[in-house]
Amino acid sequence: MTGARRTTRCEGGDAEPAAGGVRKSQGFWVGDEIWTTRTGLEKHRRELNELVNVKMPANEEAIGRAAAQGDLSENAEWEAAIEEKRNLSARAGSMKEDQRHATLLENAILPENTVCPGTKVRYMDHTAGKERTITLLGPWDATDDSKIVSYRAPLAQGMLGLHTGDRQQVNLPGGEIEIEILEID
């Protein structure tokens, strides 16, 4: 099926054609849920715990030290510590909200032969002329070596819903590439 364009019917009718002319399947990953593995969720919980129990108390101490210096109207340390407090509080709130939307990939029913979170994808990057393999998991599972990619990352977003043999133009921050799905596991 190399080079062929595959058309897929989606629940609720046809999806709009994606760039490159392939109709993508709508899947379980569409919505407010944040799909992750148990390991990714634990990693996120540890990061939130460190933020709330280590970084925020350290920031409160910094605010106290800055306040002890006297006149707060011209105290750059005070201003910096207060700004950091706002940033830490906002980040903690965001992380707590994300955890409320976390859903384990281990509980998902993965559609057959469809690129989705929880799948390993072998694809051809026709733009670079290289074959690559990645595993799509949650945002808290991603690794720096690009072997495990968040399903929310631009490359993964361009692949989601595709099937073996599908070709697709994918917009990345560094420019557009053309990919072909070779294998889904």
Protein backbone atom coordinates (compact mmCIF):
# COMPACT_ATOMS: atom_id res chain seq x y z
CA MET A 1 0.00 0.00 0.00
CA THR A 2 3.04 2.29 -0.22
CA GLY A 3 2.09 5.70 -1.56
CA ALA A 4 -1.66 4.97 -1.39
CA ARG A 5 -4.06 7.32 0.36
CA ARG A 6 -6.27 5.58 2.87
CA THR A 7 -9.73 6.89 3.77
CA THR A 8 -11.09 5.98 7.17
CA ARG A 9 -14.66 6.40 8.43
CA CYS A 10 -14.88 7.82 11.92
CA GLU A 11 -17.59 7.49 14.55
CA GLY A 12 -20.11 10.23 13.98
CA GLY A 13 -19.25 10.57 10.28
CA ASP A 14 -16.17 11.49 8.31
CA ALA A 15 -13.40 13.58 9.77
CA GLU A 16 -12.09 16.51 7.81
CA PRO A 17 -9.17 15.52 5.59
CA ALA A 18 -5.86 16.20 7.28
CA ALA A 19 -2.98 17.87 5.48
CA GLY A 20 -1.75 15.41 2.90
CA GLY A 21 -5.25 14.16 2.05
CA VAL A 22 -5.62 11.34 4.59
CA ARG A 23 -8.81 11.16 6.67
CA LYS A 24 -7.78 10.45 10.24
CA SER A 25 -9.72 8.34 12.71
CA GLN A 26 -11.09 10.19 15.73
CA GLY A 27 -9.97 8.34 18.80
CA PHE A 28 -10.07 7.98 22.54
CA TRP A 29 -7.24 10.52 22.87
CA VAL A 30 -9.49 13.38 21.72
CA GLY A 31 -10.89 15.21 24.75
CA ASP A 32 -9.88 16.64 28.09
CA GLU A 33 -8.25 13.49 29.42
CA ILE A 34 -4.49 13.39 29.77
CA TRP A 35 -3.46 9.88 28.81
CA THR A 36 -0.40 8.58 30.63
CA THR A 37 1.15 5.43 31.99
CA ARG A 38 1.19 4.58 35.68
CA THR A 39 4.92 5.42 35.66
CA GLY A 40 4.26 8.81 34.05
CA LEU A 41 1.54 9.61 36.57
CA GLU A 42 3.84 8.71 39.47
CA LYS A 43 6.57 10.92 37.97
CA HIS A 44 4.09 13.80 37.75
CA ARG A 45 2.97 13.21 41.35
CA ARG A 46 6.59 13.30 42.54
CA GLU A 47 7.18 16.58 40.68
CA LEU A 48 4.04 18.11 42.21
CA ASN A 49 5.07 16.86 45.66
CA GLU A 50 8.51 18.47 45.29
CA LEU A 51 6.93 21.71 44.12
CA VAL A 52 4.46 21.87 47.03
CA ASN A 53 6.65 20.44 49.80
CA VAL A 54 10.12 21.72 48.85
CA LYS A 55 10.08 24.63 46.41
CA MET A 56 7.08 26.52 47.79
CA PRO A 57 8.31 26.38 51.43
CA ALA A 58 11.78 27.50 50.27
CA ASN A 59 10.13 30.40 48.49
CA GLU A 60 8.23 31.34 51.68
CA GLU A 61 11.59 31.43 53.50
CA ALA A 62 13.01 33.68 50.76
CA ILE A 63 10.03 36.02 51.17
CA GLY A 64 10.65 36.11 54.93
CA ARG A 65 14.36 36.90 54.46
CA ALA A 66 13.53 39.66 51.97
CA ALA A 67 10.90 41.14 54.29
CA ALA A 68 13.42 41.19 57.14
CA GLN A 69 15.58 43.59 55.13
CA GLY A 70 13.20 46.44 55.83
CA ASP A 71 11.71 48.85 53.27
CA LEU A 72 9.84 46.68 50.77
CA SER A 73 9.12 49.49 48.30
CA GLU A 74 12.66 49.30 46.88
CA ASN A 75 13.49 45.68 47.71
CA ALA A 76 14.33 43.76 44.53
CA GLU A 77 14.68 40.48 46.47
CA TRP A 78 11.15 40.90 47.83
CA GLU A 79 9.74 41.59 44.35
CA ALA A 80 11.56 38.56 42.90
CA ALA A 81 10.40 36.27 45.72
CA ILE A 82 6.78 37.42 45.37
CA GLU A 83 6.91 36.89 41.59
CA GLU A 84 8.35 33.42 42.17
CA LYS A 85 5.52 32.70 44.61
CA ARG A 86 2.95 33.61 41.94
CA ASN A 87 4.72 31.37 39.42
CA LEU A 88 4.99 28.42 41.82
CA SER A 89 1.36 28.73 42.89
CA ALA A 90 0.17 28.88 39.28
CA ARG A 91 2.29 25.87 38.35
CA ALA A 92 1.00 23.86 41.33
CA GLY A 93 -2.59 24.71 40.42
CA SER A 94 -2.03 23.68 36.82
CA MET A 95 -0.38 20.41 37.85
CA LYS A 96 -3.24 19.58 40.24
CA GLU A 97 -5.77 20.27 37.49
CA ASP A 98 -3.80 18.06 35.07
CA GLN A 99 -3.85 15.23 37.60
CA ARG A 100 -7.65 15.47 37.80
CA HIS A 101 -7.74 14.77 34.04
CA ALA A 102 -5.16 11.96 34.09
CA THR A 103 -6.32 8.63 32.67
CA LEU A 104 -4.14 5.55 32.53
CA LEU A 105 -3.21 4.22 29.11
CA GLU A 106 -3.17 0.76 30.66
CA ASN A 107 -6.99 1.02 30.80
CA ALA A 108 -7.46 2.17 27.20
CA ILE A 109 -8.71 -0.12 24.46
CA LEU A 110 -6.29 0.58 21.61
CA PRO A 111 -7.78 0.47 18.11
CA GLU A 112 -6.06 -2.01 15.82
CA ASN A 113 -3.62 -0.72 13.20
CA THR A 114 -4.13 2.89 14.28
CA VAL A 115 -1.50 5.31 15.54
CA CYS A 116 -2.63 6.29 19.03
CA PRO A 117 -1.20 6.83 22.50
CA GLY A 118 0.26 3.53 23.69
CA THR A 119 1.57 2.42 20.29
CA LYS A 120 5.06 1.99 18.90
CA VAL A 121 5.29 3.47 15.41
CA ARG A 122 7.87 2.75 12.73
CA TYR A 123 7.70 5.42 10.05
CA MET A 124 9.63 6.80 7.11
CA ASP A 125 10.55 10.47 7.26
CA HIS A 126 10.63 11.06 3.49
CA THR A 127 11.91 14.61 3.98
CA ALA A 128 15.07 13.41 5.78
CA GLY A 129 15.19 10.06 3.97
CA LYS A 130 15.34 8.20 7.30
CA GLU A 131 13.33 5.43 8.89
CA ARG A 132 12.55 6.09 12.56
CA THR A 133 10.74 4.38 15.43
CA ILE A 134 9.00 6.13 18.32
CA THR A 135 6.60 5.13 21.09
CA LEU A 136 3.68 7.46 21.73
CA LEU A 137 2.83 7.82 25.39
CA GLY A 138 1.64 10.60 27.69
CA PRO A 139 3.23 14.00 28.27
CA TRP A 140 4.75 12.83 31.57
CA ASP A 141 6.28 9.73 29.93
CA ALA A 142 8.32 11.49 27.21
CA THR A 143 12.09 11.12 27.22
CA ASP A 144 14.85 13.45 26.11
CA ASP A 145 16.19 10.90 23.60
CA SER A 146 12.99 11.22 21.48
CA LYS A 147 12.30 7.47 21.60
CA ILE A 148 9.23 8.03 23.77
CA VAL A 149 7.22 10.99 22.52
CA SER A 150 4.20 12.66 24.08
CA TYR A 151 1.06 12.12 22.01
CA ARG A 152 0.55 15.88 22.41
CA ALA A 153 3.84 16.72 20.65
CA PRO A 154 3.58 18.11 17.10
CA LEU A 155 5.05 14.99 15.44
CA ALA A 156 2.65 12.69 17.29
CA GLN A 157 -0.30 14.99 16.62
CA GLY A 158 0.43 14.65 12.91
CA MET A 159 0.41 10.85 13.20
CA LEU A 160 -2.57 10.22 15.49
CA GLY A 161 -5.35 8.32 13.75
CA LEU A 162 -3.21 7.22 10.80
CA HIS A 163 -2.88 3.61 9.67
CA THR A 164 -0.10 1.49 8.18
CA GLY A 165 0.62 2.75 4.66
CA ASP A 166 -0.75 6.25 5.23
CA ARG A 167 1.36 9.22 4.14
CA GLN A 168 1.01 12.58 5.81
CA GLN A 169 2.48 16.07 5.76
CA VAL A 170 3.28 17.03 9.37
CA ASN A 171 3.93 20.58 10.52
CA LEU A 172 6.74 20.75 13.06
CA PRO A 173 8.31 23.81 14.70
CA GLY A 174 11.32 23.38 12.38
CA GLY A 175 9.24 23.05 9.22
CA GLU A 176 7.03 20.57 7.41
CA ILE A 177 7.98 16.94 6.85
CA GLU A 178 6.36 14.10 4.94
CA ILE A 179 5.98 10.81 6.78
CA GLU A 180 4.71 7.35 5.89
CA ILE A 181 3.52 4.92 8.54
CA LEU A 182 5.35 1.62 8.03
CA GLU A 183 4.33 -0.39 11.10
CA ILE A 184 2.21 0.06 14.23
CA ASP A 185 2.76 -2.13 17.25
